[in-house]
Every structure is written in C-alpha cells, then in structure tokens.
C-alpha atoms as a PDB file:
ATOM      1  CA  MET A   1     133.270  14.062 203.221  1.00  0.00           C
ATOM      2  CA  LEU A   2     132.010  16.122 200.570  1.00  0.00           C
ATOM      3  CA  VAL A   3     128.282  17.021 201.444  1.00  0.00           C
ATOM      4  CA  ASN A   4     125.144  19.617 201.114  1.00  0.00           C
ATOM      5  CA  VAL A   5     125.201  22.026 204.381  1.00  0.00           C
ATOM      6  CA  GLU A   6     122.126  23.934 204.715  1.00  0.00           C
ATOM      7  CA  ALA A   7     121.006  26.263 208.055  1.00  0.00           C
ATOM      8  CA  ALA A   8     119.015  24.198 210.769  1.00  0.00           C
ATOM      9  CA  GLN A   9     118.377  26.501 213.027  1.00  0.00           C
ATOM     10  CA  PRO A  10     119.820  29.346 213.825  1.00  0.00           C
ATOM     11  CA  ALA A  11     122.247  30.691 216.037  1.00  0.00           C
ATOM     12  CA  GLN A  12     121.675  31.121 219.572  1.00  0.00           C
ATOM     13  CA  SER A  13     125.045  30.612 220.793  1.00  0.00           C
ATOM     14  CA  GLY A  14     128.258  28.808 220.159  1.00  0.00           C
ATOM     15  CA  PRO A  15     128.143  26.584 217.001  1.00  0.00           C
ATOM     16  CA  LEU A  16     125.023  26.809 214.179  1.00  0.00           C
ATOM     17  CA  ALA A  17     123.053  24.054 213.934  1.00  0.00           C
ATOM     18  CA  VAL A  18     123.124  22.862 210.297  1.00  0.00           C
ATOM     19  CA  ARG A  19     121.056  19.811 208.051  1.00  0.00           C
ATOM     20  CA  VAL A  20     124.323  17.304 206.939  1.00  0.00           C
ATOM     21  CA  HIS A  21     122.686  16.121 203.244  1.00  0.00           C
ATOM     22  CA  SER A  22     125.509  13.553 202.399  1.00  0.00           C
ATOM     23  CA  MET A  23     124.724  10.454 200.159  1.00  0.00           C
ATOM     24  CA  LEU A  24     124.333   8.423 202.876  1.00  0.00           C
ATOM     25  CA  GLY A  25     121.705  10.199 204.931  1.00  0.00           C
ATOM     26  CA  THR A  26     121.388  12.943 206.786  1.00  0.00           C
ATOM     27  CA  VAL A  27     121.499  14.579 209.396  1.00  0.00           C
ATOM     28  CA  VAL A  28     121.303  17.525 212.132  1.00  0.00           C
ATOM     29  CA  ALA A  29     125.174  18.164 212.891  1.00  0.00           C
ATOM     30  CA  LEU A  30     126.633  21.400 214.196  1.00  0.00           C
ATOM     31  CA  TRP A  31     128.657  24.108 212.690  1.00  0.00           C
ATOM     32  CA  GLN A  32     132.289  24.909 212.474  1.00  0.00           C
ATOM     33  CA  GLY A  33     133.264  26.860 209.797  1.00  0.00           C
ATOM     34  CA  ALA A  34     131.865  30.814 208.498  1.00  0.00           C
ATOM     35  CA  PRO A  35     128.340  31.082 208.806  1.00  0.00           C
ATOM     36  CA  GLY A  36     129.089  32.383 205.394  1.00  0.00           C
ATOM     37  CA  ALA A  37     129.828  29.351 204.002  1.00  0.00           C
ATOM     38  CA  VAL A  38     126.319  27.270 204.606  1.00  0.00           C
ATOM     39  CA  GLY A  39     124.274  26.647 202.051  1.00  0.00           C
ATOM     40  CA  ARG A  40     127.013  25.225 199.827  1.00  0.00           C
ATOM     41  CA  GLU A  41     128.717  21.882 198.982  1.00  0.00           C
ATOM     42  CA  HIS A  42     131.035  21.684 201.422  1.00  0.00           C
ATOM     43  CA  HIS A  43     134.656  18.714 202.014  1.00  0.00           C
ATOM     44  CA  VAL A  44     134.158  18.154 205.378  1.00  0.00           C
ATOM     45  CA  GLU A  45     135.588  16.316 208.446  1.00  0.00           C
ATOM     46  CA  TRP A  46     133.305  15.143 211.718  1.00  0.00           C
ATOM     47  CA  THR A  47     134.608  15.283 215.445  1.00  0.00           C
ATOM     48  CA  VAL A  48     131.671  12.890 217.232  1.00  0.00           C
ATOM     49  CA  ASP A  49     132.732  14.214 221.564  1.00  0.00           C
ATOM     50  CA  GLU A  50     131.430  10.306 222.699  1.00  0.00           C
ATOM     51  CA  ASP A  51     133.012   6.925 223.430  1.00  0.00           C
ATOM     52  CA  ILE A  52     132.650   4.258 221.886  1.00  0.00           C
ATOM     53  CA  ALA A  53     131.059   2.537 225.134  1.00  0.00           C
ATOM     54  CA  TRP A  54     130.502  -1.535 223.713  1.00  0.00           C
ATOM     55  CA  THR A  55     126.699  -1.897 223.752  1.00  0.00           C
ATOM     56  CA  VAL A  56     125.456   0.967 225.030  1.00  0.00           C
ATOM     57  CA  ASN A  57     125.806   3.721 222.013  1.00  0.00           C
ATOM     58  CA  ALA A  58     127.912   0.508 220.067  1.00  0.00           C
ATOM     59  CA  TRP A  59     126.547  -2.461 219.035  1.00  0.00           C
ATOM     60  CA  PRO A  60     127.016  -4.849 215.441  1.00  0.00           C
ATOM     61  CA  SER A  61     125.327  -3.361 212.186  1.00  0.00           C
ATOM     62  CA  ALA A  62     123.268  -6.711 210.213  1.00  0.00           C
ATOM     63  CA  SER A  63     124.238  -4.285 208.052  1.00  0.00           C
ATOM     64  CA  ASP A  64     127.741  -3.498 205.245  1.00  0.00           C
ATOM     65  CA  VAL A  65     125.895  -0.468 204.345  1.00  0.00           C
ATOM     66  CA  PRO A  66     127.692   2.677 205.419  1.00  0.00           C
ATOM     67  CA  GLU A  67     125.147   4.924 206.623  1.00  0.00           C
ATOM     68  CA  LEU A  68     123.791   8.514 208.723  1.00  0.00           C
ATOM     69  CA  ARG A  69     120.939   9.046 210.448  1.00  0.00           C
ATOM     70  CA  GLU A  70     118.791  10.208 212.490  1.00  0.00           C
ATOM     71  CA  ASP A  71     116.663   8.552 215.829  1.00  0.00           C
ATOM     72  CA  GLY A  72     115.143  11.303 217.960  1.00  0.00           C
ATOM     73  CA  ASP A  73     117.313  13.821 218.882  1.00  0.00           C
ATOM     74  CA  CYS A  74     120.976  11.246 217.716  1.00  0.00           C
ATOM     75  CA  ILE A  75     123.061  10.261 214.866  1.00  0.00           C
ATOM     76  CA  VAL A  76     123.548   6.819 213.732  1.00  0.00           C
ATOM     77  CA  PHE A  77     127.081   6.692 211.873  1.00  0.00           C
ATOM     78  CA  ARG A  78     127.424   2.840 210.681  1.00  0.00           C
ATOM     79  CA  GLY A  79     130.662   1.849 209.272  1.00  0.00           C
ATOM     80  CA  GLN A  80     133.425  -0.232 209.441  1.00  0.00           C
ATOM     81  CA  LEU A  81     134.929  -0.464 212.701  1.00  0.00           C
ATOM     82  CA  SER A  82     138.980  -0.343 213.494  1.00  0.00           C
ATOM     83  CA  PRO A  83     141.108  -0.387 216.926  1.00  0.00           C
ATOM     84  CA  PHE A  84     143.569   0.959 217.499  1.00  0.00           C
ATOM     85  CA  GLU A  85     146.372  -1.636 220.068  1.00  0.00           C
ATOM     86  CA  ASP A  86     146.894   1.990 222.471  1.00  0.00           C
ATOM     87  CA  GLY A  87     143.229   1.866 223.070  1.00  0.00           C
ATOM     88  CA  GLY A  88     140.738   4.021 220.244  1.00  0.00           C
ATOM     89  CA  ALA A  89     139.539   3.070 217.609  1.00  0.00           C
ATOM     90  CA  VAL A  90     138.583   4.429 213.894  1.00  0.00           C
ATOM     91  CA  LEU A  91     134.925   4.317 212.585  1.00  0.00           C
ATOM     92  CA  ASP A  92     134.642   4.584 207.930  1.00  0.00           C
ATOM     93  CA  VAL A  93     131.670   5.437 207.790  1.00  0.00           C
ATOM     94  CA  GLY A  94     131.375   5.808 203.421  1.00  0.00           C
ATOM     95  CA  GLY A  95     135.785   7.068 203.550  1.00  0.00           C
ATOM     96  CA  ALA A  96     134.855   9.139 206.110  1.00  0.00           C
ATOM     97  CA  ARG A  97     136.751   8.317 209.136  1.00  0.00           C
ATOM     98  CA  ILE A  98     135.621   9.586 212.537  1.00  0.00           C
ATOM     99  CA  THR A  99     138.118   8.862 215.598  1.00  0.00           C
ATOM    100  CA  PHE A 100     137.459   7.151 218.682  1.00  0.00           C
ATOM    101  CA  ASP A 101     138.018   6.682 221.959  1.00  0.00           C
ATOM    102  CA  LEU A 102     136.503   3.778 224.170  1.00  0.00           C
ATOM    103  CA  ALA A 103     134.915   4.027 228.051  1.00  0.00           C
ATOM    104  CA  GLU A 104     133.682   0.723 228.965  1.00  0.00           C
ATOM    105  CA  PRO A 105     132.957  -1.487 228.852  1.00  0.00           C
ATOM    106  CA  PRO A 106     135.934  -3.046 226.405  1.00  0.00           C
ATOM    107  CA  LEU A 107     134.784  -3.947 222.153  1.00  0.00           C
ATOM    108  CA  PRO A 108     134.690  -7.376 222.038  1.00  0.00           C
ATOM    109  CA  GLU A 109     137.001  -9.737 220.892  1.00  0.00           C
ATOM    110  CA  GLY A 110     137.229 -10.171 217.476  1.00  0.00           C
ATOM    111  CA  ALA A 111     136.278  -5.915 216.703  1.00  0.00           C
ATOM    112  CA  GLU A 112     138.574  -5.329 214.069  1.00  0.00           C
ATOM    113  CA  GLY A 113     137.441  -4.760 211.191  1.00  0.00           C
ATOM    114  CA  SER A 114     133.700  -5.267 212.000  1.00  0.00           C
ATOM    115  CA  TRP A 115     130.291  -3.722 210.621  1.00  0.00           C
ATOM    116  CA  VAL A 116     129.406  -1.447 213.868  1.00  0.00           C
ATOM    117  CA  GLU A 117     126.434   1.333 214.905  1.00  0.00           C
ATOM    118  CA  ILE A 118     126.899   4.207 217.067  1.00  0.00           C
ATOM    119  CA  ARG A 119     125.115   6.307 218.312  1.00  0.00           C
ATOM    120  CA  ALA A 120     126.251   9.780 219.998  1.00  0.00           C
ATOM    121  CA  ALA A 121     123.691  12.380 220.845  1.00  0.00           C
ATOM    122  CA  ARG A 122     123.651  15.483 217.743  1.00  0.00           C
ATOM    123  CA  ASP A 123     124.763  17.937 220.459  1.00  0.00           C
ATOM    124  CA  HIS A 124     128.168  15.704 220.748  1.00  0.00           C
ATOM    125  CA  VAL A 125     128.266  15.765 216.643  1.00  0.00           C
ATOM    126  CA  THR A 126     130.853  19.004 214.457  1.00  0.00           C
ATOM    127  CA  VAL A 127     130.743  19.297 210.904  1.00  0.00           C
ATOM    128  CA  TRP A 128     133.962  20.793 209.923  1.00  0.00           C
ATOM    129  CA  PRO A 129     134.393  22.258 206.715  1.00  0.00           C
ATOM    130  CA  TYR A 130     138.083  21.586 205.351  1.00  0.00           C
ATOM    131  CA  GLU A 131     139.002  22.443 200.935  1.00  0.00           C
ATOM    132  CA  LEU A 132     141.672  20.211 198.766  1.00  0.00           C
END
C-alpha cells in the first residue's frame, strides 16, 4: 500500500509513532523504518499483533468499501476476510493483505469473502516500509 508517513510523536524508546495517510484513511501506527525516512511517501506492509476473536474485536461490516480509521486508541480495518484451512486468516484492505491468527470465539460459517471490520489497539499495529 502506498502511503505518506509523517511523525506523530517523538520516539521515547522503541518504534516511532507515525501518522499514515492513505487513500483509505489516516491512522497513527508504529513505524519500523529508518527515522530519517519519515516525512515521505512509502509502500508499506501492515502487521497487527492481535488475534481475531469474532464478536470481540471483529464483526460483519454493513459496508463493502475498504477503510482504515481510528476509533479512540484503536485502528479499525475494513476489508474482505479469507480464512486459512489450518487456522488464521488474511484481511484484504484495498489490496493490502494483513495476516491474522484466530482466537476464540471462532469465525462463523460463511466468513470466506465476507466484509468485516477488525479493531486493534494502535500500539499493536506496525507499518514496515519496503522497496518495489
């Protein structure tokens, strides 16, 4: 996903918090690139260090439009869900594919290809820049 990245707060220790501007929305997440690379446009991958727990942090979406948004201290990802047979799932958010592990309660029958929203704590969401 191509995004613009700007500093959101100075780094205390650990990753820098950055404001990520994309066509799908703007959110604050943790940055795993070089500090000097902030303030530019980058292709990024998203990692989310939270499992999907159906009806706890994931639920069906009434909209079939991909989106990134903030809700308090959380980031909400809206996209199409594809579960793996061996557990886990991938969420396609406007072409960005984010892999998740699954927790209890499990995904419902018919979740394959459904539009869902997944909510994750901001400090569990990381963006990683990469070169094409």
